[in-house]
Amino acid sequence: MGEYLELRVRVSEPTSLAGQVRKAQLTRELIDVAIAHGGLQSWKTREEIFYGVVQKKEMAYFITDKDCSSLRRLEWGTKLKRKVSIQITGAGYPWPDTLDITHYTFPLQIRLTRLKKNDTSQ
């Protein structure tokens, strides 16, 4: 059985542009450290960065935008076939507006939509 280390870093959402840039840089640096020490695979396209984590015989992919500033989708499957993907859309860190879950081995699609709280105190 392999050894694992879990590291969680929680950073409040910066209010300034400089703070947001630094948060994105820190996120990228932490991911680069994890890749350098094994366990992760990564590659880029023009618009996205893919991070793959081996989980038994399958891969879990975390796909971000090209600046690594937001998570776009998650995918699970083998090297040859996708099994499940989760598309993340909308603003609202840390809660996205919608999650579209698609299962590819049988016909199943689920859409989760964040509800807006109505202000009834007026």
N, C-alpha and C. Protein backbone atom coordinates (compact mmCIF):
# COMPACT_ATOMS: atom_id res chain seq x y z
N MET A 1 0.85 -1.18 0.00
CA MET A 1 0.00 0.00 0.00
C MET A 1 0.89 1.24 0.00
N GLY A 2 0.56 2.22 -0.82
CA GLY A 2 1.36 3.43 -0.94
C GLY A 2 1.13 4.38 0.22
N GLU A 3 2.04 5.31 0.36
CA GLU A 3 1.91 6.34 1.38
C GLU A 3 1.31 7.59 0.76
N TYR A 4 0.45 8.25 1.50
CA TYR A 4 -0.22 9.44 0.99
C TYR A 4 -0.09 10.57 1.99
N LEU A 5 -0.06 11.75 1.49
CA LEU A 5 -0.05 12.95 2.31
C LEU A 5 -1.15 13.86 1.80
N GLU A 6 -1.99 14.30 2.69
CA GLU A 6 -3.04 15.24 2.31
C GLU A 6 -2.71 16.60 2.90
N LEU A 7 -2.76 17.61 2.08
CA LEU A 7 -2.49 18.97 2.49
C LEU A 7 -3.66 19.83 2.07
N ARG A 8 -4.24 20.51 3.02
CA ARG A 8 -5.36 21.41 2.70
C ARG A 8 -4.94 22.83 3.04
N VAL A 9 -5.16 23.71 2.10
CA VAL A 9 -4.87 25.13 2.30
C VAL A 9 -6.14 25.89 2.00
N ARG A 10 -6.62 26.63 2.95
CA ARG A 10 -7.84 27.41 2.76
C ARG A 10 -7.46 28.89 2.77
N VAL A 11 -7.76 29.56 1.69
CA VAL A 11 -7.44 30.97 1.55
C VAL A 11 -8.74 31.71 1.27
N SER A 12 -8.98 32.78 2.03
CA SER A 12 -10.20 33.56 1.77
C SER A 12 -10.12 34.21 0.40
N GLU A 13 -11.27 34.51 -0.17
CA GLU A 13 -11.32 35.09 -1.51
C GLU A 13 -10.76 36.51 -1.46
N PRO A 14 -9.68 36.78 -2.19
CA PRO A 14 -9.09 38.12 -2.18
C PRO A 14 -10.04 39.14 -2.81
N THR A 15 -9.99 40.37 -2.30
CA THR A 15 -10.85 41.42 -2.83
C THR A 15 -10.15 42.26 -3.89
N SER A 16 -8.83 42.30 -3.86
CA SER A 16 -8.10 43.11 -4.84
C SER A 16 -7.65 42.25 -6.02
N LEU A 17 -7.38 42.89 -7.13
CA LEU A 17 -6.88 42.19 -8.31
C LEU A 17 -5.52 41.56 -8.02
N ALA A 18 -4.66 42.28 -7.32
CA ALA A 18 -3.34 41.75 -6.97
C ALA A 18 -3.47 40.50 -6.10
N GLY A 19 -4.42 40.52 -5.17
CA GLY A 19 -4.65 39.36 -4.31
C GLY A 19 -5.16 38.17 -5.10
N GLN A 20 -6.03 38.41 -6.07
CA GLN A 20 -6.54 37.32 -6.90
C GLN A 20 -5.44 36.72 -7.77
N VAL A 21 -4.56 37.57 -8.29
CA VAL A 21 -3.43 37.08 -9.09
C VAL A 21 -2.51 36.24 -8.22
N ARG A 22 -2.21 36.71 -7.03
CA ARG A 22 -1.32 35.96 -6.13
C ARG A 22 -1.94 34.63 -5.73
N LYS A 23 -3.25 34.60 -5.49
CA LYS A 23 -3.93 33.35 -5.14
C LYS A 23 -3.81 32.34 -6.29
N ALA A 24 -3.99 32.81 -7.53
CA ALA A 24 -3.85 31.92 -8.70
C ALA A 24 -2.42 31.41 -8.81
N GLN A 25 -1.43 32.28 -8.56
CA GLN A 25 -0.03 31.85 -8.61
C GLN A 25 0.26 30.82 -7.54
N LEU A 26 -0.24 31.03 -6.33
CA LEU A 26 -0.02 30.10 -5.23
C LEU A 26 -0.65 28.75 -5.55
N THR A 27 -1.86 28.77 -6.10
CA THR A 27 -2.53 27.52 -6.48
C THR A 27 -1.68 26.75 -7.48
N ARG A 28 -1.20 27.44 -8.49
CA ARG A 28 -0.37 26.80 -9.52
C ARG A 28 0.92 26.24 -8.93
N GLU A 29 1.55 26.99 -8.03
CA GLU A 29 2.80 26.54 -7.41
C GLU A 29 2.58 25.28 -6.57
N LEU A 30 1.47 25.22 -5.83
CA LEU A 30 1.17 24.03 -5.04
C LEU A 30 0.92 22.81 -5.92
N ILE A 31 0.22 23.01 -7.02
CA ILE A 31 -0.02 21.90 -7.95
C ILE A 31 1.29 21.44 -8.58
N ASP A 32 2.16 22.38 -8.94
CA ASP A 32 3.45 22.01 -9.51
C ASP A 32 4.29 21.20 -8.54
N VAL A 33 4.23 21.52 -7.25
CA VAL A 33 4.96 20.75 -6.24
C VAL A 33 4.42 19.32 -6.19
N ALA A 34 3.10 19.18 -6.22
CA ALA A 34 2.50 17.84 -6.19
C ALA A 34 2.91 17.03 -7.43
N ILE A 35 2.93 17.66 -8.59
CA ILE A 35 3.33 16.97 -9.82
C ILE A 35 4.79 16.54 -9.74
N ALA A 36 5.64 17.42 -9.23
CA ALA A 36 7.07 17.11 -9.13
C ALA A 36 7.35 15.93 -8.20
N HIS A 37 6.48 15.71 -7.23
CA HIS A 37 6.69 14.62 -6.28
C HIS A 37 5.90 13.37 -6.64
N GLY A 38 5.36 13.31 -7.82
CA GLY A 38 4.66 12.11 -8.30
C GLY A 38 3.19 12.09 -7.92
N GLY A 39 2.46 11.19 -8.55
CA GLY A 39 1.05 11.03 -8.24
C GLY A 39 0.13 11.80 -9.16
N LEU A 40 0.63 12.84 -9.80
CA LEU A 40 -0.17 13.63 -10.73
C LEU A 40 0.47 13.64 -12.10
N GLN A 41 -0.36 13.70 -13.11
CA GLN A 41 0.10 13.92 -14.48
C GLN A 41 -0.58 15.18 -14.96
N SER A 42 0.09 15.96 -15.78
CA SER A 42 -0.56 17.16 -16.29
C SER A 42 -0.14 17.43 -17.72
N TRP A 43 -1.03 18.09 -18.46
CA TRP A 43 -0.73 18.54 -19.81
C TRP A 43 -1.66 19.69 -20.14
N LYS A 44 -1.29 20.46 -21.16
CA LYS A 44 -2.04 21.66 -21.53
C LYS A 44 -2.57 21.56 -22.95
N THR A 45 -3.69 22.22 -23.17
CA THR A 45 -4.17 22.53 -24.51
C THR A 45 -4.16 24.05 -24.61
N ARG A 46 -4.67 24.60 -25.67
CA ARG A 46 -4.68 26.07 -25.78
C ARG A 46 -5.53 26.74 -24.71
N GLU A 47 -6.63 26.10 -24.33
CA GLU A 47 -7.58 26.74 -23.42
C GLU A 47 -7.67 26.10 -22.04
N GLU A 48 -7.07 24.91 -21.85
CA GLU A 48 -7.27 24.20 -20.59
C GLU A 48 -5.98 23.53 -20.12
N ILE A 49 -5.94 23.26 -18.81
CA ILE A 49 -4.89 22.46 -18.22
C ILE A 49 -5.55 21.23 -17.61
N PHE A 50 -5.02 20.06 -17.90
CA PHE A 50 -5.55 18.80 -17.40
C PHE A 50 -4.60 18.27 -16.31
N TYR A 51 -5.18 17.88 -15.18
CA TYR A 51 -4.42 17.23 -14.12
C TYR A 51 -5.05 15.86 -13.93
N GLY A 52 -4.26 14.82 -14.09
CA GLY A 52 -4.76 13.46 -13.95
C GLY A 52 -4.18 12.78 -12.73
N VAL A 53 -5.04 12.11 -11.98
CA VAL A 53 -4.64 11.38 -10.79
C VAL A 53 -5.04 9.92 -10.97
N VAL A 54 -4.09 9.01 -10.82
CA VAL A 54 -4.38 7.59 -10.96
C VAL A 54 -5.15 7.12 -9.74
N GLN A 55 -6.27 6.43 -9.99
CA GLN A 55 -7.07 5.84 -8.93
C GLN A 55 -7.36 4.41 -9.33
N LYS A 56 -6.55 3.48 -8.81
CA LYS A 56 -6.60 2.07 -9.19
C LYS A 56 -6.40 1.95 -10.70
N LYS A 57 -7.36 1.42 -11.45
CA LYS A 57 -7.20 1.27 -12.90
C LYS A 57 -7.80 2.44 -13.68
N GLU A 58 -8.27 3.45 -12.98
CA GLU A 58 -8.92 4.58 -13.64
C GLU A 58 -8.14 5.86 -13.37
N MET A 59 -8.54 6.90 -14.09
CA MET A 59 -7.96 8.23 -13.91
C MET A 59 -9.06 9.19 -13.50
N ALA A 60 -8.72 10.10 -12.61
CA ALA A 60 -9.59 11.22 -12.29
C ALA A 60 -8.90 12.46 -12.85
N TYR A 61 -9.62 13.22 -13.66
CA TYR A 61 -9.06 14.40 -14.30
C TYR A 61 -9.71 15.65 -13.73
N PHE A 62 -8.88 16.62 -13.39
CA PHE A 62 -9.31 17.93 -12.94
C PHE A 62 -8.91 18.90 -14.04
N ILE A 63 -9.87 19.55 -14.67
CA ILE A 63 -9.59 20.39 -15.82
C ILE A 63 -9.87 21.85 -15.43
N THR A 64 -8.83 22.69 -15.57
CA THR A 64 -8.95 24.10 -15.22
C THR A 64 -8.84 24.95 -16.48
N ASP A 65 -9.11 26.25 -16.33
CA ASP A 65 -8.87 27.15 -17.45
C ASP A 65 -7.36 27.32 -17.62
N LYS A 66 -6.94 27.99 -18.68
CA LYS A 66 -5.51 28.05 -19.02
C LYS A 66 -4.68 28.80 -17.99
N ASP A 67 -5.31 29.62 -17.15
CA ASP A 67 -4.60 30.34 -16.10
C ASP A 67 -4.62 29.59 -14.76
N CYS A 68 -5.29 28.45 -14.75
CA CYS A 68 -5.44 27.65 -13.53
C CYS A 68 -6.16 28.44 -12.43
N SER A 69 -7.06 29.32 -12.82
CA SER A 69 -7.75 30.14 -11.84
C SER A 69 -9.15 29.63 -11.51
N SER A 70 -9.69 28.71 -12.33
CA SER A 70 -11.00 28.15 -12.02
C SER A 70 -11.11 26.73 -12.56
N LEU A 71 -11.81 25.92 -11.81
CA LEU A 71 -12.05 24.53 -12.20
C LEU A 71 -13.21 24.50 -13.18
N ARG A 72 -13.00 23.91 -14.36
CA ARG A 72 -14.05 23.85 -15.39
C ARG A 72 -14.86 22.56 -15.32
N ARG A 73 -14.15 21.42 -15.17
CA ARG A 73 -14.88 20.16 -15.10
C ARG A 73 -14.02 19.08 -14.47
N LEU A 74 -14.68 18.00 -14.10
CA LEU A 74 -14.05 16.80 -13.56
C LEU A 74 -14.45 15.65 -14.46
N GLU A 75 -13.53 14.70 -14.67
CA GLU A 75 -13.86 13.52 -15.48
C GLU A 75 -13.22 12.30 -14.84
N TRP A 76 -13.91 11.16 -14.94
CA TRP A 76 -13.40 9.88 -14.47
C TRP A 76 -13.52 8.87 -15.59
N GLY A 77 -12.56 7.97 -15.65
CA GLY A 77 -12.61 6.91 -16.64
C GLY A 77 -11.26 6.25 -16.82
N THR A 78 -11.18 5.41 -17.84
CA THR A 78 -9.91 4.77 -18.18
C THR A 78 -9.22 5.63 -19.23
N LYS A 79 -8.06 5.19 -19.67
CA LYS A 79 -7.35 5.94 -20.70
C LYS A 79 -8.11 5.96 -22.02
N LEU A 80 -8.94 4.94 -22.25
CA LEU A 80 -9.64 4.83 -23.52
C LEU A 80 -11.10 5.30 -23.48
N LYS A 81 -11.70 5.37 -22.29
CA LYS A 81 -13.13 5.66 -22.24
C LYS A 81 -13.50 6.50 -21.02
N ARG A 82 -14.24 7.58 -21.28
CA ARG A 82 -14.79 8.38 -20.18
C ARG A 82 -15.96 7.64 -19.57
N LYS A 83 -16.08 7.72 -18.24
CA LYS A 83 -17.24 7.13 -17.57
C LYS A 83 -18.19 8.21 -17.07
N VAL A 84 -17.64 9.22 -16.41
CA VAL A 84 -18.46 10.28 -15.82
C VAL A 84 -17.76 11.61 -16.01
N SER A 85 -18.53 12.66 -16.30
CA SER A 85 -17.96 14.01 -16.31
C SER A 85 -18.90 14.94 -15.56
N ILE A 86 -18.31 15.94 -14.94
CA ILE A 86 -19.06 16.97 -14.24
C ILE A 86 -18.63 18.31 -14.80
N GLN A 87 -19.54 18.99 -15.46
CA GLN A 87 -19.27 20.31 -16.03
C GLN A 87 -19.65 21.36 -15.00
N ILE A 88 -18.75 22.28 -14.72
CA ILE A 88 -18.96 23.31 -13.70
C ILE A 88 -19.12 24.65 -14.41
N THR A 89 -20.26 25.32 -14.19
CA THR A 89 -20.50 26.58 -14.88
C THR A 89 -20.97 27.65 -13.92
N GLY A 90 -20.71 28.88 -14.29
CA GLY A 90 -21.18 30.03 -13.54
C GLY A 90 -20.22 30.49 -12.47
N ALA A 91 -20.39 31.73 -12.11
CA ALA A 91 -19.57 32.32 -11.07
C ALA A 91 -20.14 31.95 -9.71
N GLY A 92 -19.50 32.41 -8.69
CA GLY A 92 -20.03 32.17 -7.36
C GLY A 92 -19.12 31.31 -6.52
N TYR A 93 -17.82 31.63 -6.50
CA TYR A 93 -16.88 30.88 -5.68
C TYR A 93 -17.35 30.89 -4.24
N PRO A 94 -17.32 29.82 -3.49
CA PRO A 94 -16.86 28.50 -3.90
C PRO A 94 -17.98 27.62 -4.44
N TRP A 95 -19.17 28.14 -4.60
CA TRP A 95 -20.29 27.35 -5.08
C TRP A 95 -20.65 27.77 -6.50
N PRO A 96 -20.51 26.89 -7.48
CA PRO A 96 -20.85 27.25 -8.86
C PRO A 96 -22.36 27.37 -9.03
N ASP A 97 -22.77 28.01 -10.13
CA ASP A 97 -24.19 28.15 -10.41
C ASP A 97 -24.83 26.82 -10.79
N THR A 98 -24.14 26.03 -11.63
CA THR A 98 -24.68 24.73 -12.03
C THR A 98 -23.59 23.67 -12.11
N LEU A 99 -24.01 22.44 -11.90
CA LEU A 99 -23.18 21.26 -12.12
C LEU A 99 -23.97 20.35 -13.04
N ASP A 100 -23.40 20.01 -14.19
CA ASP A 100 -24.03 19.06 -15.11
C ASP A 100 -23.25 17.76 -15.04
N ILE A 101 -23.90 16.72 -14.54
CA ILE A 101 -23.27 15.41 -14.37
C ILE A 101 -23.76 14.50 -15.48
N THR A 102 -22.81 13.92 -16.23
CA THR A 102 -23.14 13.02 -17.33
C THR A 102 -22.43 11.70 -17.12
N HIS A 103 -23.20 10.62 -17.17
CA HIS A 103 -22.65 9.27 -17.08
C HIS A 103 -22.65 8.69 -18.49
N TYR A 104 -21.50 8.18 -18.94
CA TYR A 104 -21.37 7.75 -20.33
C TYR A 104 -21.58 6.25 -20.54
N THR A 105 -21.54 5.43 -19.48
CA THR A 105 -21.72 3.99 -19.68
C THR A 105 -23.19 3.59 -19.69
N PHE A 106 -24.06 4.46 -19.22
CA PHE A 106 -25.50 4.29 -19.37
C PHE A 106 -26.12 5.68 -19.41
N PRO A 107 -27.30 5.82 -19.99
CA PRO A 107 -27.86 7.16 -20.21
C PRO A 107 -28.36 7.80 -18.91
N LEU A 108 -27.54 8.71 -18.38
CA LEU A 108 -27.93 9.42 -17.17
C LEU A 108 -27.33 10.82 -17.20
N GLN A 109 -28.18 11.81 -17.05
CA GLN A 109 -27.73 13.19 -16.96
C GLN A 109 -28.46 13.85 -15.80
N ILE A 110 -27.71 14.58 -14.99
CA ILE A 110 -28.28 15.28 -13.83
C ILE A 110 -27.78 16.71 -13.87
N ARG A 111 -28.67 17.66 -13.67
CA ARG A 111 -28.27 19.07 -13.56
C ARG A 111 -28.63 19.55 -12.16
N LEU A 112 -27.63 20.07 -11.46
CA LEU A 112 -27.83 20.67 -10.15
C LEU A 112 -27.66 22.17 -10.31
N THR A 113 -28.64 22.92 -9.85
CA THR A 113 -28.64 24.37 -9.99
C THR A 113 -28.72 25.01 -8.61
N ARG A 114 -27.83 25.95 -8.37
CA ARG A 114 -27.83 26.66 -7.10
C ARG A 114 -29.03 27.59 -7.07
N LEU A 115 -29.81 27.51 -6.01
CA LEU A 115 -30.98 28.36 -5.87
C LEU A 115 -30.58 29.70 -5.26
N LYS A 116 -31.22 30.74 -5.73
CA LYS A 116 -31.01 32.08 -5.18
C LYS A 116 -31.94 32.28 -4.00
N LYS A 117 -31.39 32.79 -2.92
CA LYS A 117 -32.20 33.03 -1.74
C LYS A 117 -33.02 34.29 -1.93
N ASN A 118 -34.32 34.17 -1.72
CA ASN A 118 -35.20 35.34 -1.84
C ASN A 118 -35.18 36.13 -0.53
N ASP A 119 -35.07 37.43 -0.64
CA ASP A 119 -35.09 38.30 0.53
C ASP A 119 -36.51 38.69 0.82
N THR A 120 -37.12 38.09 1.84
CA THR A 120 -38.52 38.36 2.18
C THR A 120 -38.65 39.25 3.40
N SER A 121 -37.55 39.87 3.83
CA SER A 121 -37.59 40.70 5.03
C SER A 121 -38.05 42.13 4.76
N GLN A 122 -38.46 42.46 3.55
CA GLN A 122 -38.85 43.84 3.23
C GLN A 122 -40.23 44.15 3.68
